[in-house]
């Protein structure tokens, strides 16, 4: 699992165009400009950086399909 990227911005599009009220875009800022955030394939192809947890691939698959999950972390020796 990956941590939420520090540079990810969720942008409300309504103030830019009233017809887009309620719509959002995930962006990052590059050279002072908003650019679309990389898609899942690009993110998954890059090194993970800070890892939140390790799990079996099939468990990760089901968490991705369901959209969420609960991790129970054991303490050392437990």
PDB file of N, CA and C in Angstrom:
ATOM      1  N   UNK A   1       0.843  -1.176   0.000  1.00  0.00           N
ATOM      2  CA  UNK A   1       0.000   0.000   0.000  1.00  0.00           C
ATOM      3  C   UNK A   1       0.882   1.230   0.000  1.00  0.00           C
ATOM      4  N   UNK A   2       0.433   2.215  -0.652  1.00  0.00           N
ATOM      5  CA  UNK A   2       1.189   3.461  -0.734  1.00  0.00           C
ATOM      6  C   UNK A   2       0.508   4.540   0.100  1.00  0.00           C
ATOM      7  N   UNK A   3       1.330   5.431   0.625  1.00  0.00           N
ATOM      8  CA  UNK A   3       0.800   6.590   1.345  1.00  0.00           C
ATOM      9  C   UNK A   3       0.239   7.593   0.342  1.00  0.00           C
ATOM     10  N   UNK A   4      -0.673   8.438   0.806  1.00  0.00           N
ATOM     11  CA  UNK A   4      -1.178   9.507  -0.064  1.00  0.00           C
ATOM     12  C   UNK A   4      -0.005  10.411  -0.425  1.00  0.00           C
ATOM     13  N   UNK A   5       0.198  10.689  -1.704  1.00  0.00           N
ATOM     14  CA  UNK A   5       1.318  11.548  -2.105  1.00  0.00           C
ATOM     15  C   UNK A   5       1.195  12.949  -1.507  1.00  0.00           C
ATOM     16  N   UNK A   6       2.308  13.481  -1.051  1.00  0.00           N
ATOM     17  CA  UNK A   6       2.319  14.821  -0.465  1.00  0.00           C
ATOM     18  C   UNK A   6       1.959  15.897  -1.485  1.00  0.00           C
ATOM     19  N   UNK A   7       2.222  15.637  -2.767  1.00  0.00           N
ATOM     20  CA  UNK A   7       1.991  16.658  -3.789  1.00  0.00           C
ATOM     21  C   UNK A   7       0.628  16.565  -4.466  1.00  0.00           C
ATOM     22  N   UNK A   8      -0.217  15.616  -4.042  1.00  0.00           N
ATOM     23  CA  UNK A   8      -1.536  15.454  -4.650  1.00  0.00           C
ATOM     24  C   UNK A   8      -2.473  16.552  -4.159  1.00  0.00           C
ATOM     25  N   UNK A   9      -3.126  17.225  -5.076  1.00  0.00           N
ATOM     26  CA  UNK A   9      -4.081  18.284  -4.756  1.00  0.00           C
ATOM     27  C   UNK A   9      -5.423  17.893  -5.363  1.00  0.00           C
ATOM     28  N   UNK A  10      -6.487  17.984  -4.557  1.00  0.00           N
ATOM     29  CA  UNK A  10      -7.830  17.773  -5.076  1.00  0.00           C
ATOM     30  C   UNK A  10      -8.419  19.149  -5.342  1.00  0.00           C
ATOM     31  N   UNK A  11      -8.706  19.413  -6.584  1.00  0.00           N
ATOM     32  CA  UNK A  11      -9.130  20.735  -7.024  1.00  0.00           C
ATOM     33  C   UNK A  11     -10.622  20.732  -7.334  1.00  0.00           C
ATOM     34  N   UNK A  12     -11.377  21.629  -6.692  1.00  0.00           N
ATOM     35  CA  UNK A  12     -12.794  21.820  -6.978  1.00  0.00           C
ATOM     36  C   UNK A  12     -12.893  22.652  -8.256  1.00  0.00           C
ATOM     37  N   UNK A  13     -13.521  22.123  -9.281  1.00  0.00           N
ATOM     38  CA  UNK A  13     -13.567  22.804 -10.576  1.00  0.00           C
ATOM     39  C   UNK A  13     -14.676  23.845 -10.687  1.00  0.00           C
ATOM     40  N   UNK A  14     -15.638  23.847  -9.760  1.00  0.00           N
ATOM     41  CA  UNK A  14     -16.770  24.767  -9.807  1.00  0.00           C
ATOM     42  C   UNK A  14     -16.399  26.240  -9.902  1.00  0.00           C
ATOM     43  N   UNK A  15     -15.402  26.726  -9.120  1.00  0.00           N
ATOM     44  CA  UNK A  15     -15.051  28.147  -9.221  1.00  0.00           C
ATOM     45  C   UNK A  15     -14.487  28.556 -10.589  1.00  0.00           C
ATOM     46  N   UNK A  16     -14.015  27.598 -11.366  1.00  0.00           N
ATOM     47  CA  UNK A  16     -13.459  27.907 -12.685  1.00  0.00           C
ATOM     48  C   UNK A  16     -14.532  27.958 -13.763  1.00  0.00           C
ATOM     49  N   UNK A  17     -15.579  27.155 -13.569  1.00  0.00           N
ATOM     50  CA  UNK A  17     -16.674  27.092 -14.541  1.00  0.00           C
ATOM     51  C   UNK A  17     -17.905  26.577 -13.796  1.00  0.00           C
ATOM     52  N   UNK A  18     -18.951  27.382 -13.671  1.00  0.00           N
ATOM     53  CA  UNK A  18     -20.136  26.959 -12.923  1.00  0.00           C
ATOM     54  C   UNK A  18     -20.739  25.644 -13.417  1.00  0.00           C
ATOM     55  N   UNK A  19     -20.559  25.319 -14.691  1.00  0.00           N
ATOM     56  CA  UNK A  19     -21.115  24.060 -15.200  1.00  0.00           C
ATOM     57  C   UNK A  19     -20.369  22.845 -14.638  1.00  0.00           C
ATOM     58  N   UNK A  20     -19.210  23.088 -14.019  1.00  0.00           N
ATOM     59  CA  UNK A  20     -18.421  21.998 -13.426  1.00  0.00           C
ATOM     60  C   UNK A  20     -18.595  21.911 -11.913  1.00  0.00           C
ATOM     61  N   UNK A  21     -19.599  22.602 -11.375  1.00  0.00           N
ATOM     62  CA  UNK A  21     -19.852  22.581  -9.936  1.00  0.00           C
ATOM     63  C   UNK A  21     -20.007  21.135  -9.452  1.00  0.00           C
ATOM     64  N   UNK A  22     -19.324  20.817  -8.378  1.00  0.00           N
ATOM     65  CA  UNK A  22     -19.378  19.468  -7.822  1.00  0.00           C
ATOM     66  C   UNK A  22     -18.371  18.516  -8.429  1.00  0.00           C
ATOM     67  N   UNK A  23     -17.709  18.896  -9.485  1.00  0.00           N
ATOM     68  CA  UNK A  23     -16.693  18.049 -10.123  1.00  0.00           C
ATOM     69  C   UNK A  23     -15.336  18.389  -9.549  1.00  0.00           C
ATOM     70  N   UNK A  24     -14.488  17.387  -9.426  1.00  0.00           N
ATOM     71  CA  UNK A  24     -13.149  17.577  -8.873  1.00  0.00           C
ATOM     72  C   UNK A  24     -12.110  16.958  -9.802  1.00  0.00           C
ATOM     73  N   UNK A  25     -10.884  17.433  -9.683  1.00  0.00           N
ATOM     74  CA  UNK A  25      -9.761  16.878 -10.434  1.00  0.00           C
ATOM     75  C   UNK A  25      -8.608  16.690  -9.459  1.00  0.00           C
ATOM     76  N   UNK A  26      -7.848  15.616  -9.645  1.00  0.00           N
ATOM     77  CA  UNK A  26      -6.638  15.423  -8.846  1.00  0.00           C
ATOM     78  C   UNK A  26      -5.474  15.906  -9.696  1.00  0.00           C
ATOM     79  N   UNK A  27      -4.736  16.862  -9.149  1.00  0.00           N
ATOM     80  CA  UNK A  27      -3.681  17.523  -9.896  1.00  0.00           C
ATOM     81  C   UNK A  27      -2.437  17.661  -9.039  1.00  0.00           C
ATOM     82  N   UNK A  28      -1.367  18.102  -9.682  1.00  0.00           N
ATOM     83  CA  UNK A  28      -0.184  18.555  -8.973  1.00  0.00           C
ATOM     84  C   UNK A  28       0.277  19.823  -9.656  1.00  0.00           C
ATOM     85  N   UNK A  29       1.141  20.564  -8.996  1.00  0.00           N
ATOM     86  CA  UNK A  29       1.619  21.829  -9.546  1.00  0.00           C
ATOM     87  C   UNK A  29       3.030  21.628 -10.077  1.00  0.00           C
ATOM     88  N   UNK A  30       3.217  21.937 -11.369  1.00  0.00           N
ATOM     89  CA  UNK A  30       4.523  21.846 -12.017  1.00  0.00           C
ATOM     90  C   UNK A  30       4.805  23.201 -12.656  1.00  0.00           C
ATOM     91  N   UNK A  31       5.885  23.825 -12.245  1.00  0.00           N
ATOM     92  CA  UNK A  31       6.262  25.148 -12.766  1.00  0.00           C
ATOM     93  C   UNK A  31       5.105  26.145 -12.679  1.00  0.00           C
ATOM     94  N   UNK A  32       4.382  26.107 -11.554  1.00  0.00           N
ATOM     95  CA  UNK A  32       3.288  27.052 -11.336  1.00  0.00           C
ATOM     96  C   UNK A  32       2.003  26.740 -12.078  1.00  0.00           C
ATOM     97  N   UNK A  33       1.931  25.584 -12.746  1.00  0.00           N
ATOM     98  CA  UNK A  33       0.741  25.201 -13.511  1.00  0.00           C
ATOM     99  C   UNK A  33       0.126  23.941 -12.918  1.00  0.00           C
ATOM    100  N   UNK A  34      -1.208  23.856 -12.934  1.00  0.00           N
ATOM    101  CA  UNK A  34      -1.886  22.619 -12.556  1.00  0.00           C
ATOM    102  C   UNK A  34      -1.751  21.629 -13.706  1.00  0.00           C
ATOM    103  N   UNK A  35      -1.324  20.412 -13.406  1.00  0.00           N
ATOM    104  CA  UNK A  35      -1.260  19.343 -14.405  1.00  0.00           C
ATOM    105  C   UNK A  35      -1.955  18.111 -13.831  1.00  0.00           C
ATOM    106  N   UNK A  36      -2.551  17.275 -14.690  1.00  0.00           N
ATOM    107  CA  UNK A  36      -3.220  16.079 -14.183  1.00  0.00           C
ATOM    108  C   UNK A  36      -2.246  15.194 -13.405  1.00  0.00           C
ATOM    109  N   UNK A  37      -2.753  14.596 -12.339  1.00  0.00           N
ATOM    110  CA  UNK A  37      -1.924  13.685 -11.563  1.00  0.00           C
ATOM    111  C   UNK A  37      -1.769  12.388 -12.357  1.00  0.00           C
ATOM    112  N   UNK A  38      -0.616  11.707 -12.247  1.00  0.00           N
ATOM    113  CA  UNK A  38      -0.437  10.453 -12.997  1.00  0.00           C
ATOM    114  C   UNK A  38      -1.557   9.454 -12.694  1.00  0.00           C
ATOM    115  N   UNK A  39      -1.892   8.635 -13.687  1.00  0.00           N
ATOM    116  CA  UNK A  39      -2.929   7.626 -13.469  1.00  0.00           C
ATOM    117  C   UNK A  39      -2.362   6.445 -12.684  1.00  0.00           C
ATOM    118  N   UNK A  40      -3.233   5.525 -12.306  1.00  0.00           N
ATOM    119  CA  UNK A  40      -2.848   4.395 -11.454  1.00  0.00           C
ATOM    120  C   UNK A  40      -1.707   3.581 -12.059  1.00  0.00           C
ATOM    121  N   UNK A  41      -1.743   3.334 -13.364  1.00  0.00           N
ATOM    122  CA  UNK A  41      -0.689   2.532 -14.007  1.00  0.00           C
ATOM    123  C   UNK A  41       0.674   3.205 -13.847  1.00  0.00           C
ATOM    124  N   UNK A  42       0.723   4.513 -14.038  1.00  0.00           N
ATOM    125  CA  UNK A  42       1.988   5.235 -13.880  1.00  0.00           C
ATOM    126  C   UNK A  42       2.466   5.205 -12.432  1.00  0.00           C
ATOM    127  N   UNK A  43       1.535   5.366 -11.505  1.00  0.00           N
ATOM    128  CA  UNK A  43       1.893   5.334 -10.083  1.00  0.00           C
ATOM    129  C   UNK A  43       2.409   3.957  -9.691  1.00  0.00           C
ATOM    130  N   UNK A  44       1.702   2.908 -10.108  1.00  0.00           N
ATOM    131  CA  UNK A  44       2.098   1.543  -9.748  1.00  0.00           C
ATOM    132  C   UNK A  44       3.440   1.159 -10.372  1.00  0.00           C
ATOM    133  N   UNK A  45       3.805   1.776 -11.492  1.00  0.00           N
ATOM    134  CA  UNK A  45       5.067   1.453 -12.158  1.00  0.00           C
ATOM    135  C   UNK A  45       6.262   2.125 -11.487  1.00  0.00           C
ATOM    136  N   UNK A  46       6.000   3.101 -10.614  1.00  0.00           N
ATOM    137  CA  UNK A  46       7.090   3.818  -9.948  1.00  0.00           C
ATOM    138  C   UNK A  46       7.400   3.178  -8.585  1.00  0.00           C
ATOM    139  N   UNK A  47       8.612   3.378  -8.063  1.00  0.00           N
ATOM    140  CA  UNK A  47       8.943   2.846  -6.740  1.00  0.00           C
ATOM    141  C   UNK A  47       7.987   3.409  -5.689  1.00  0.00           C
ATOM    142  N   UNK A  48       7.615   2.605  -4.690  1.00  0.00           N
ATOM    143  CA  UNK A  48       6.585   3.026  -3.748  1.00  0.00           C
ATOM    144  C   UNK A  48       6.962   4.129  -2.776  1.00  0.00           C
ATOM    145  N   UNK A  49       8.225   4.395  -2.540  1.00  0.00           N
ATOM    146  CA  UNK A  49       8.573   5.407  -1.539  1.00  0.00           C
ATOM    147  C   UNK A  49       8.251   4.880  -0.159  1.00  0.00           C
ATOM    148  N   UNK A  50       7.471   5.636   0.622  1.00  0.00           N
ATOM    149  CA  UNK A  50       7.115   5.217   1.973  1.00  0.00           C
ATOM    150  C   UNK A  50       6.050   4.128   1.904  1.00  0.00           C
ATOM    151  N   UNK A  51       6.335   2.978   2.502  1.00  0.00           N
ATOM    152  CA  UNK A  51       5.405   1.856   2.502  1.00  0.00           C
ATOM    153  C   UNK A  51       4.595   1.875   3.787  1.00  0.00           C
ATOM    154  N   UNK A  52       3.275   1.729   3.678  1.00  0.00           N
ATOM    155  CA  UNK A  52       2.416   1.696   4.864  1.00  0.00           C
ATOM    156  C   UNK A  52       2.318   0.294   5.443  1.00  0.00           C
ATOM    157  N   UNK A  53       2.274  -0.702   4.571  1.00  0.00           N
ATOM    158  CA  UNK A  53       2.118  -2.086   5.041  1.00  0.00           C
ATOM    159  C   UNK A  53       2.478  -3.039   3.904  1.00  0.00           C
ATOM    160  N   UNK A  54       2.837  -4.253   4.281  1.00  0.00           N
ATOM    161  CA  UNK A  54       3.070  -5.328   3.314  1.00  0.00           C
ATOM    162  C   UNK A  54       1.945  -6.330   3.472  1.00  0.00           C
ATOM    163  N   UNK A  55       1.515  -6.900   2.362  1.00  0.00           N
ATOM    164  CA  UNK A  55       0.458  -7.912   2.434  1.00  0.00           C
ATOM    165  C   UNK A  55       0.555  -8.836   1.232  1.00  0.00           C
ATOM    166  N   UNK A  56      -0.180  -9.917   1.325  1.00  0.00           N
ATOM    167  CA  UNK A  56      -0.208 -10.849   0.198  1.00  0.00           C
ATOM    168  C   UNK A  56      -0.910 -10.184  -0.981  1.00  0.00           C
ATOM    169  N   UNK A  57      -0.454 -10.487  -2.205  1.00  0.00           N
ATOM    170  CA  UNK A  57      -1.044  -9.836  -3.389  1.00  0.00           C
ATOM    171  C   UNK A  57      -2.556 -10.002  -3.485  1.00  0.00           C
ATOM    172  N   UNK A  58      -3.082 -11.176  -3.115  1.00  0.00           N
ATOM    173  CA  UNK A  58      -4.527 -11.380  -3.220  1.00  0.00           C
ATOM    174  C   UNK A  58      -5.291 -10.509  -2.220  1.00  0.00           C
ATOM    175  N   UNK A  59      -4.698 -10.234  -1.050  1.00  0.00           N
ATOM    176  CA  UNK A  59      -5.348  -9.340  -0.090  1.00  0.00           C
ATOM    177  C   UNK A  59      -5.368  -7.904  -0.625  1.00  0.00           C
ATOM    178  N   UNK A  60      -4.258  -7.494  -1.230  1.00  0.00           N
ATOM    179  CA  UNK A  60      -4.196  -6.160  -1.836  1.00  0.00           C
ATOM    180  C   UNK A  60      -5.233  -6.041  -2.953  1.00  0.00           C
ATOM    181  N   UNK A  61      -5.351  -7.075  -3.773  1.00  0.00           N
ATOM    182  CA  UNK A  61      -6.327  -7.084  -4.869  1.00  0.00           C
ATOM    183  C   UNK A  61      -7.733  -6.822  -4.346  1.00  0.00           C
ATOM    184  N   UNK A  62      -8.133  -7.543  -3.297  1.00  0.00           N
ATOM    185  CA  UNK A  62      -9.489  -7.370  -2.771  1.00  0.00           C
ATOM    186  C   UNK A  62      -9.675  -5.991  -2.136  1.00  0.00           C
ATOM    187  N   UNK A  63      -8.637  -5.457  -1.495  1.00  0.00           N
ATOM    188  CA  UNK A  63      -8.755  -4.102  -0.945  1.00  0.00           C
ATOM    189  C   UNK A  63      -8.923  -3.077  -2.065  1.00  0.00           C
ATOM    190  N   UNK A  64      -8.214  -3.275  -3.174  1.00  0.00           N
ATOM    191  CA  UNK A  64      -8.339  -2.347  -4.298  1.00  0.00           C
ATOM    192  C   UNK A  64      -9.728  -2.436  -4.922  1.00  0.00           C
ATOM    193  N   UNK A  65     -10.265  -3.643  -5.061  1.00  0.00           N
ATOM    194  CA  UNK A  65     -11.604  -3.822  -5.637  1.00  0.00           C
ATOM    195  C   UNK A  65     -12.662  -3.202  -4.731  1.00  0.00           C
ATOM    196  N   UNK A  66     -12.553  -3.442  -3.418  1.00  0.00           N
ATOM    197  CA  UNK A  66     -13.540  -2.936  -2.470  1.00  0.00           C
ATOM    198  C   UNK A  66     -13.371  -1.441  -2.212  1.00  0.00           C
ATOM    199  N   UNK A  67     -12.165  -0.920  -2.459  1.00  0.00           N
ATOM    200  CA  UNK A  67     -11.936   0.500  -2.272  1.00  0.00           C
ATOM    201  C   UNK A  67     -11.467   0.885  -0.891  1.00  0.00           C
ATOM    202  N   UNK A  68     -11.476  -0.056   0.049  1.00  0.00           N
ATOM    203  CA  UNK A  68     -11.003   0.238   1.401  1.00  0.00           C
ATOM    204  C   UNK A  68     -10.772  -1.075   2.133  1.00  0.00           C
ATOM    205  N   UNK A  69     -10.221  -0.967   3.304  1.00  0.00           N
ATOM    206  CA  UNK A  69      -9.987  -2.150   4.118  1.00  0.00           C
ATOM    207  C   UNK A  69      -9.471  -1.741   5.488  1.00  0.00           C
ATOM    208  N   UNK A  70      -9.341  -2.702   6.362  1.00  0.00           N
ATOM    209  CA  UNK A  70      -8.832  -2.467   7.708  1.00  0.00           C
ATOM    210  C   UNK A  70      -7.589  -3.319   7.892  1.00  0.00           C
ATOM    211  N   UNK A  71      -6.516  -2.690   8.316  1.00  0.00           N
ATOM    212  CA  UNK A  71      -5.291  -3.420   8.612  1.00  0.00           C
ATOM    213  C   UNK A  71      -5.192  -3.603  10.109  1.00  0.00           C
ATOM    214  N   UNK A  72      -4.919  -4.833  10.539  1.00  0.00           N
ATOM    215  CA  UNK A  72      -4.677  -5.117  11.950  1.00  0.00           C
ATOM    216  C   UNK A  72      -3.199  -5.393  12.074  1.00  0.00           C
ATOM    217  N   UNK A  73      -2.494  -4.510  12.767  1.00  0.00           N
ATOM    218  CA  UNK A  73      -1.053  -4.628  12.899  1.00  0.00           C
ATOM    219  C   UNK A  73      -0.710  -5.297  14.214  1.00  0.00           C
ATOM    220  N   UNK A  74       0.131  -6.310  14.145  1.00  0.00           N
ATOM    221  CA  UNK A  74       0.588  -6.994  15.356  1.00  0.00           C
ATOM    222  C   UNK A  74       1.806  -6.293  15.921  1.00  0.00           C
ATOM    223  N   UNK A  75       1.922  -6.324  17.216  1.00  0.00           N
ATOM    224  CA  UNK A  75       3.116  -5.761  17.845  1.00  0.00           C
ATOM    225  C   UNK A  75       4.244  -6.764  17.740  1.00  0.00           C
ATOM    226  N   UNK A  76       5.472  -6.322  17.908  1.00  0.00           N
ATOM    227  CA  UNK A  76       6.633  -7.211  17.845  1.00  0.00           C
ATOM    228  C   UNK A  76       6.458  -8.318  18.874  1.00  0.00           C
ATOM    229  N   UNK A  77       6.681  -9.543  18.430  1.00  0.00           N
ATOM    230  CA  UNK A  77       6.553 -10.694  19.304  1.00  0.00           C
ATOM    231  C   UNK A  77       5.122 -11.151  19.494  1.00  0.00           C
ATOM    232  N   UNK A  78       4.149 -10.508  18.863  1.00  0.00           N
ATOM    233  CA  UNK A  78       2.761 -10.870  19.088  1.00  0.00           C
ATOM    234  C   UNK A  78       2.154 -11.312  17.845  1.00  0.00           C
TER     235      UNK A  78
END
